[in-house]
Protein backbone atom coordinates (compact mmCIF):
# COMPACT_ATOMS: atom_id res chain seq x y z
CA MET A 1 90.60 63.47 80.34
CA SER A 2 93.07 62.62 83.08
CA LYS A 3 95.80 60.20 82.18
CA THR A 4 97.09 57.42 84.41
CA ILE A 5 100.69 57.49 85.55
CA ASN A 6 102.70 54.33 84.86
CA CYS A 7 103.81 53.66 88.42
CA ARG A 8 106.22 50.90 87.41
CA GLU A 9 108.11 53.38 85.25
CA LEU A 10 108.03 55.76 88.18
CA ARG A 11 109.57 53.06 90.35
CA LYS A 12 112.40 52.55 87.84
CA ARG A 13 113.07 56.28 87.78
CA TYR A 14 113.06 56.35 91.58
CA GLU A 15 115.63 53.52 91.70
CA MET A 16 117.85 55.08 89.01
CA ASP A 17 117.68 58.77 89.94
CA GLY A 18 117.16 58.49 93.67
CA ALA A 19 114.52 60.03 95.91
CA ASP A 20 115.59 63.68 95.72
CA ARG A 21 115.76 63.91 91.92
CA THR A 22 112.54 61.97 91.43
CA VAL A 23 110.61 64.10 93.91
CA ALA A 24 112.09 67.28 92.41
CA HIS A 25 111.04 66.12 88.92
CA LEU A 26 107.51 65.34 90.10
CA THR A 27 107.24 68.67 91.93
CA GLU A 28 108.31 70.56 88.81
CA ALA A 29 105.82 68.63 86.65
CA LEU A 30 103.00 69.24 89.14
CA ASN A 31 103.81 72.95 89.46
CA SER A 32 103.93 73.40 85.68
CA GLY A 33 100.68 71.54 85.13
CA ASP A 34 102.27 68.76 83.06
CA LEU A 35 101.05 66.38 85.74
CA LYS A 36 98.02 66.68 87.99
CA PRO A 37 97.43 65.04 91.38
CA GLU A 38 94.43 63.30 89.82
CA ASP A 39 96.78 61.47 87.43
CA PHE A 40 97.93 59.23 90.30
CA SER A 41 96.40 56.29 92.11
CA LEU A 42 97.22 55.54 95.74
CA ARG A 43 96.76 51.80 95.17
CA ASP A 44 98.99 51.77 92.09
CA LEU A 45 101.65 53.82 93.88
CA ALA A 46 101.67 51.40 96.81
CA GLU A 47 101.81 48.40 94.50
CA SER A 48 104.70 49.81 92.45
CA LEU A 49 106.77 51.79 94.96
CA VAL A 50 106.66 49.48 97.97
CA PRO A 51 108.72 46.26 97.82
CA ASN A 52 106.46 43.23 97.18
CA GLY A 53 103.60 45.63 96.60
CA GLU A 54 101.23 43.06 95.13
CA ALA A 55 101.62 40.78 98.14
CA LEU A 56 101.26 43.79 100.38
CA LEU A 57 97.88 44.71 98.93
CA ARG A 58 96.66 41.14 99.43
CA GLU A 59 97.76 41.35 103.06
CA MET A 60 95.93 44.65 103.44
CA ASN A 61 92.66 42.95 102.51
CA PRO A 62 90.46 43.25 105.61
CA ARG A 63 89.29 39.66 104.93
CA GLY A 64 92.80 38.27 104.66
CA ASP A 65 95.89 38.00 106.86
CA GLN A 66 96.97 41.32 108.34
CA ALA A 67 100.50 42.51 107.65
CA ALA A 68 102.59 43.66 110.56
CA SER A 69 103.08 47.00 108.80
CA PRO A 70 100.60 48.18 106.14
CA LEU A 71 103.47 49.34 103.92
CA GLY A 72 106.04 46.68 104.56
CA ASN A 73 109.65 47.35 105.50
CA ASP A 74 110.45 50.27 103.18
CA PRO A 75 107.56 52.66 102.52
CA SER A 76 109.85 55.68 102.00
CA ALA A 77 109.35 55.85 98.22
CA PHE A 78 105.57 55.70 98.56
CA ASN A 79 105.56 58.32 101.33
CA GLN A 80 107.78 60.74 99.44
CA VAL A 81 105.92 60.54 96.16
CA THR A 82 102.52 60.66 97.84
CA GLY A 83 103.70 63.59 99.95
CA THR A 84 104.63 65.50 96.80
CA ILE A 85 101.16 64.90 95.35
CA ILE A 86 99.32 65.87 98.54
CA GLU A 87 101.47 68.99 99.01
CA SER A 88 100.74 70.08 95.44
CA LYS A 89 97.01 69.74 96.02
CA ILE A 90 97.13 71.68 99.29
CA ARG A 91 99.26 74.50 97.86
CA ASN A 92 97.09 74.86 94.75
CA ALA A 93 94.00 75.24 96.93
CA TYR A 94 95.78 77.59 99.34
CA ASN A 95 96.94 79.92 96.55
CA LYS A 96 93.61 80.28 94.76
CA GLY A 97 92.94 83.72 93.32
CA ILE A 98 89.67 84.01 95.25
CA PHE A 99 91.71 84.90 98.34
CA ALA A 100 92.77 88.16 96.70
CA VAL A 101 93.11 90.52 99.67
CA SER A 102 95.77 88.30 101.26
CA LYS A 103 97.89 88.80 98.14
CA CYS A 104 97.62 92.62 98.25
CA VAL A 105 99.06 93.18 101.72
CA ALA A 106 102.79 92.98 102.40
CA THR A 107 104.26 89.72 103.73
CA ILE A 108 107.00 90.30 106.30
CA PRO A 109 108.95 87.24 107.47
CA THR A 110 109.63 87.36 111.20
CA ARG A 111 111.01 85.12 113.93
CA CYS A 112 109.19 87.05 116.64
CA ASP A 113 105.85 86.46 118.32
CA GLY A 114 104.87 90.10 117.88
CA GLU A 115 107.50 92.83 117.53
CA LYS A 116 108.21 96.55 117.34
CA ILE A 117 108.79 97.86 113.83
CA HIS A 118 110.50 101.24 113.52
CA ALA A 119 108.19 103.48 111.52
CA SER A 120 109.29 106.86 110.22
CA GLN A 121 109.70 108.60 106.90
CA VAL A 122 113.01 110.41 106.27
CA SER A 123 112.54 114.13 105.65
CA ASP A 124 113.88 115.28 102.29
CA GLY A 125 115.45 118.28 104.02
CA THR A 126 118.01 116.01 105.70
CA ALA A 127 119.37 114.93 102.30
CA THR A 128 121.03 118.29 101.59
CA VAL A 129 124.82 118.10 102.01
CA GLU A 130 126.96 121.25 101.96
CA PRO A 131 130.54 121.07 100.62
CA GLY A 132 132.86 119.51 103.18
CA GLU A 133 130.02 118.39 105.46
CA GLN A 134 129.36 114.83 106.54
CA TYR A 135 126.53 112.97 104.86
CA PRO A 136 123.54 112.46 107.17
CA ILE A 137 123.10 108.91 108.47
CA VAL A 138 119.70 107.30 108.21
CA GLY A 139 119.18 105.39 111.44
CA LEU A 140 116.32 103.77 113.28
CA SER A 141 114.08 106.37 114.87
CA GLY A 142 112.29 106.10 118.18
CA ASP A 143 108.89 105.88 116.48
CA TYR A 144 107.56 102.35 116.19
CA VAL A 145 104.53 100.22 115.38
CA GLU A 146 103.83 97.28 117.66
CA THR A 147 102.43 94.19 115.92
CA PRO A 148 100.12 91.58 117.54
CA SER A 149 101.21 88.10 118.62
CA THR A 150 101.25 85.51 115.85
CA THR A 151 98.97 82.46 115.81
CA LYS A 152 99.46 79.00 114.33
CA HIS A 153 96.89 77.30 112.10
CA GLY A 154 97.02 73.80 110.68
CA LEU A 155 95.18 70.62 109.66
CA ILE A 156 96.14 67.00 108.95
CA VAL A 157 95.32 64.84 105.93
CA PRO A 158 95.52 61.11 106.83
CA ILE A 159 95.93 58.23 104.39
CA THR A 160 94.42 55.07 105.83
CA ARG A 161 94.85 51.41 104.93
CA GLU A 162 91.36 51.48 103.42
CA ALA A 163 92.18 54.53 101.27
CA ILE A 164 95.02 52.56 99.66
CA PHE A 165 93.29 49.21 99.36
CA PHE A 166 90.02 50.61 97.98
CA ASP A 167 91.90 53.28 95.99
CA ARG A 168 90.04 56.24 97.44
CA THR A 169 92.48 58.62 95.82
CA HIS A 170 89.77 61.12 94.90
CA LEU A 171 88.57 61.31 98.52
CA VAL A 172 92.09 61.93 99.83
CA LEU A 173 92.75 64.62 97.21
CA SER A 174 89.42 66.26 98.04
CA LYS A 175 90.42 66.42 101.70
CA ALA A 176 93.79 67.89 100.73
CA THR A 177 91.98 70.58 98.72
CA GLU A 178 89.70 71.23 101.68
CA VAL A 179 92.69 71.67 103.98
CA GLY A 180 94.34 74.19 101.65
CA GLU A 181 91.11 76.15 101.17
CA THR A 182 90.30 76.18 104.89
CA LEU A 183 93.71 77.52 105.89
CA ALA A 184 93.61 80.16 103.14
CA LEU A 185 90.05 81.15 104.08
CA ASN A 186 91.04 81.52 107.73
CA LYS A 187 93.94 83.79 106.75
CA GLU A 188 91.79 85.83 104.34
CA LYS A 189 89.14 86.42 107.03
CA ARG A 190 91.71 87.65 109.55
CA ILE A 191 93.27 89.99 106.99
CA LEU A 192 89.86 91.26 105.83
CA ASP A 193 88.83 92.05 109.41
CA MET A 194 91.97 94.19 109.66
CA VAL A 195 91.48 95.91 106.28
CA LEU A 196 87.77 96.61 106.94
CA GLY A 197 88.48 98.05 110.37
CA LEU A 198 86.64 95.29 112.23
CA ALA A 199 89.84 94.32 114.08
CA ASN A 200 91.72 97.41 115.28
CA THR A 201 95.26 96.46 116.28
CA TYR A 202 97.19 99.59 115.25
CA ASN A 203 99.59 100.56 118.04
CA TYR A 204 101.85 103.56 117.35
CA ASN A 205 104.48 104.45 119.96
CA GLY A 206 102.61 102.44 122.58
CA VAL A 207 99.22 104.09 121.93
CA ALA A 208 96.35 102.09 120.41
CA HIS A 209 94.26 103.70 117.64
CA ASP A 210 91.33 102.66 115.51
CA THR A 211 92.39 102.04 111.92
CA TYR A 212 89.86 104.45 110.43
CA GLN A 213 89.46 107.96 111.84
CA THR A 214 86.72 110.48 111.02
CA GLY A 215 88.22 113.55 112.72
CA ALA A 216 91.04 115.87 111.66
CA THR A 217 93.45 114.38 114.21
CA PRO A 218 95.45 112.22 114.50
CA TRP A 219 94.43 111.64 110.85
CA LYS A 220 91.29 111.40 108.76
CA ASN A 221 90.82 108.46 106.41
CA VAL A 222 87.04 108.02 106.33
CA LEU A 223 84.82 109.68 103.72
CA PRO A 224 81.14 109.31 104.68
CA GLY A 225 78.62 109.88 101.91
CA ASN A 226 81.13 109.03 99.19
CA VAL A 227 79.28 106.14 97.53
CA LEU A 228 81.12 104.87 94.46
CA GLN A 229 79.14 106.20 91.49
CA ASP A 230 81.52 108.07 89.21
CA TRP A 231 85.08 109.34 88.88
CA ASP A 232 84.41 112.25 91.25
CA ASN A 233 84.11 109.77 94.12
CA ILE A 234 87.51 108.28 93.29
CA ASP A 235 89.01 111.78 93.03
CA ALA A 236 87.65 112.70 96.46
CA ALA A 237 89.25 109.63 98.06
CA GLU A 238 92.54 110.20 96.23
CA ASN A 239 92.63 113.85 97.34
CA LEU A 240 92.20 112.80 100.95
CA LEU A 241 95.04 110.31 100.58
CA GLY A 242 97.22 112.97 99.02
CA ALA A 243 96.77 115.18 102.08
CA MET A 244 98.10 112.57 104.52
CA ILE A 245 101.11 113.65 106.61
CA ASP A 246 103.74 111.37 108.14
CA PRO A 247 103.65 112.03 111.92
CA SER A 248 107.40 111.73 112.47
CA SER A 249 108.82 113.68 109.51
CA GLY A 250 105.98 116.06 108.74
CA GLU A 251 106.28 115.10 105.07
CA HIS A 252 103.38 114.17 102.82
CA LEU A 253 103.12 110.40 102.40
CA LEU A 254 104.16 108.95 99.07
CA ALA A 255 100.75 107.37 98.53
CA GLU A 256 101.10 105.25 95.41
CA ILE A 257 97.47 104.25 95.09
CA ASP A 258 97.07 100.87 93.41
CA THR A 259 94.20 98.91 95.00
CA VAL A 260 90.43 99.32 95.35
CA LEU A 261 88.31 96.93 97.44
CA VAL A 262 84.56 96.98 96.84
CA MET A 263 81.57 94.91 97.86
CA PRO A 264 79.98 92.68 95.18
CA GLN A 265 77.09 95.16 94.74
CA LEU A 266 79.59 97.75 93.44
CA ARG A 267 81.54 95.37 91.22
CA THR A 268 79.94 96.44 87.92
CA VAL A 269 80.24 100.16 88.67
CA ALA A 270 83.84 99.80 89.84
CA HIS A 271 84.75 97.71 86.80
CA ARG A 272 83.33 100.37 84.48
CA LEU A 273 85.21 103.18 86.26
CA LEU A 274 88.56 101.48 86.78
CA HIS A 275 88.85 99.46 83.58
CA ALA A 276 87.82 102.16 81.12
CA SER A 277 90.52 102.89 78.57
CA GLU A 278 89.56 106.60 78.31
CA LEU A 279 87.75 109.27 80.30
CA ALA A 280 85.50 111.69 78.39
CA HIS A 281 84.79 115.20 79.63
CA GLN A 282 83.06 118.35 78.42
CA ASN A 283 83.87 121.87 79.66
CA ALA A 284 80.47 123.26 78.75
CA ALA A 285 77.22 122.07 77.24
CA SER A 286 78.14 123.57 73.86
CA ALA A 287 81.80 122.49 73.96
CA PRO A 288 82.97 119.41 72.06
CA MET A 289 83.56 116.19 73.98
CA SER A 290 87.21 115.28 74.55
CA ALA A 291 88.83 112.12 75.89
CA VAL A 292 92.00 111.43 77.87
CA PRO A 293 93.66 108.14 78.92
CA SER A 294 92.22 106.80 82.18
CA PRO A 295 94.49 107.39 85.20
CA PHE A 296 92.90 104.40 86.95
CA ALA A 297 93.77 101.73 84.37
CA GLY A 298 96.55 100.20 86.47
CA TYR A 299 94.53 99.82 89.66
CA THR A 300 93.86 96.36 91.09
CA LEU A 301 90.12 95.88 91.64
CA ILE A 302 88.92 93.39 94.24
CA ALA A 303 85.21 92.66 94.57
CA SER A 304 84.96 90.47 97.66
CA ARG A 305 81.81 88.63 98.70
CA LEU A 306 83.67 87.48 101.79
CA ALA A 307 84.30 91.12 102.77
CA TYR A 308 80.58 91.83 102.51
CA GLN A 309 79.79 88.79 104.68
CA ARG A 310 82.28 89.98 107.32
CA LEU A 311 80.59 93.39 107.41
CA LEU A 312 77.13 91.79 107.68
CA GLU A 313 78.30 89.70 110.62
CA ALA A 314 80.09 92.59 112.34
CA SER A 315 79.17 93.77 115.81
CA PRO A 316 78.21 96.57 116.13
CA VAL A 317 76.22 96.40 112.91
CA VAL A 318 77.71 98.23 109.92
CA THR A 319 75.21 100.56 108.23
CA ASN A 320 74.74 99.98 104.49
CA PRO A 321 77.72 97.59 104.16
CA GLU A 322 77.10 97.22 100.41
CA ASN A 323 78.31 100.81 99.91
CA VAL A 324 81.63 100.42 101.75
CA TRP A 325 84.74 100.63 99.57
CA ILE A 326 88.41 101.11 100.39
CA ILE A 327 91.14 102.62 98.24
CA GLY A 328 94.86 103.05 98.76
CA ASN A 329 98.14 101.20 98.92
CA PHE A 330 97.40 98.02 100.86
CA ALA A 331 101.03 96.85 100.90
CA LYS A 332 102.13 100.01 102.72
CA ALA A 333 99.14 100.13 105.05
CA PHE A 334 98.92 96.47 106.04
CA ALA A 335 101.15 93.43 106.43
CA TYR A 336 101.02 89.78 107.34
CA MET A 337 103.76 89.06 109.88
CA GLU A 338 104.73 85.52 108.89
CA ASN A 339 106.67 83.11 111.10
CA TRP A 340 106.43 80.48 108.39
CA PRO A 341 104.40 80.17 105.16
CA ILE A 342 102.16 77.23 104.28
CA THR A 343 104.30 74.17 105.03
CA VAL A 344 103.48 70.50 104.49
CA THR A 345 105.26 67.79 106.49
CA ARG A 346 104.64 64.05 106.75
CA SER A 347 104.57 61.74 109.72
CA SER A 348 107.37 59.32 110.51
CA ILE A 349 107.28 55.67 109.46
CA GLY A 350 105.56 53.31 111.87
CA SER A 351 103.78 55.91 113.99
CA GLU A 352 101.32 55.01 116.73
CA ALA A 353 98.41 55.97 114.47
CA ASP A 354 99.56 53.23 112.07
CA PHE A 355 98.85 50.54 114.62
CA THR A 356 95.85 52.02 116.46
CA GLN A 357 93.94 53.63 113.58
CA ASP A 358 95.33 52.04 110.40
CA VAL A 359 96.61 55.48 109.39
CA VAL A 360 99.54 54.64 107.13
CA VAL A 361 100.90 58.17 106.77
CA ARG A 362 99.70 61.67 107.68
CA PHE A 363 100.43 65.01 106.08
CA LYS A 364 100.28 68.13 108.21
CA ALA A 365 99.76 71.55 106.63
CA SER A 366 100.40 74.59 108.79
CA GLU A 367 101.21 78.29 108.69
CA ARG A 368 101.83 80.84 111.44
CA GLY A 369 101.45 84.58 111.33
CA THR A 370 99.23 87.54 112.13
CA PRO A 371 97.78 90.54 110.27
CA ALA A 372 99.37 93.84 111.30
CA ILE A 373 98.61 97.49 110.56
CA LEU A 374 101.75 99.37 109.50
CA ASN A 375 100.30 102.78 108.62
CA PRO A 376 96.53 103.34 108.18
CA ARG A 377 97.18 106.71 106.49
CA TYR A 378 97.78 104.83 103.23
CA VAL A 379 94.12 103.82 102.90
CA VAL A 380 90.77 105.61 102.81
CA LYS A 381 87.43 103.99 103.61
CA CYS A 382 84.35 105.40 101.91
CA THR A 383 80.85 104.77 103.28
CA ALA A 384 77.25 105.71 102.54
């Protein structure tokens, strides 16, 4: 059962320790789970943290005299503490484990609105140094991948006079959760479209390519007819990955396979194959059965209903989407070019919305970035 925070004690701590230490303490407690956003009350916070809070709440009564400012002369303590609570709720929703594919791709901070990333693998032959010779210098090659322009996404959580007076804390926290989930869902969809090959943005040396290729050149990373049924299907995909060649160095890619994405219909089969502790095999019908440790035990398995929905909604229509599965190293194949991560800011005191809409304070959550394909040779898509 949720406990209620003693806001008067919180006010004393705020006055003794100052805003920064109090907010830092609350943030730490919220992140650790010692406190939960539901432990707080907007009305109690306003009454305790705003000077003359009790009189303020009487003035906020729609039937009584209206105060010039809903939060009096110094609402900074209320805004800071409330902001910490709202931010915690948004971040918790944004970082839910259900958005698993977003966590498997690389995150690359960038200040650019789309950029050129040098992409080449150093040949091991250049590492040989004869006595007295100069060591080779690893520089930036002329080969590059061009990433798409970034886009900004954001939503605002308002706290109104009514939300404080009627203590609609639960409603405000629900909206904060909705904001975090919506922004995370939007990001997950954009990344899934890239991973599934529904959005083809790979641009190598100024030439656009589809992510998944069926022919021998420039690469092949599609295995039709390789429905996930047993370990042979995984071996076939791994063998194709192992044959991938870096276009600039001519070297085989160091494909450290660690992730498998399946549709929900294949979840049980994939779980049995990837999470088995041992693999049993028999050389002949009369030979004894022997077992070896599973080489797939360390793989991350993602069964995504959202991925299946994206395939169902795709145009042109994807044949037998339930049998699509992708294996490889997602962090080397894909990235999210991030201008800034999820960021929560609050409005200034006495904004126009305060007077015209009785919006006491607003909290804006935003992030900006774009999915980008770094090297599609690190993944293989298997279909029916």
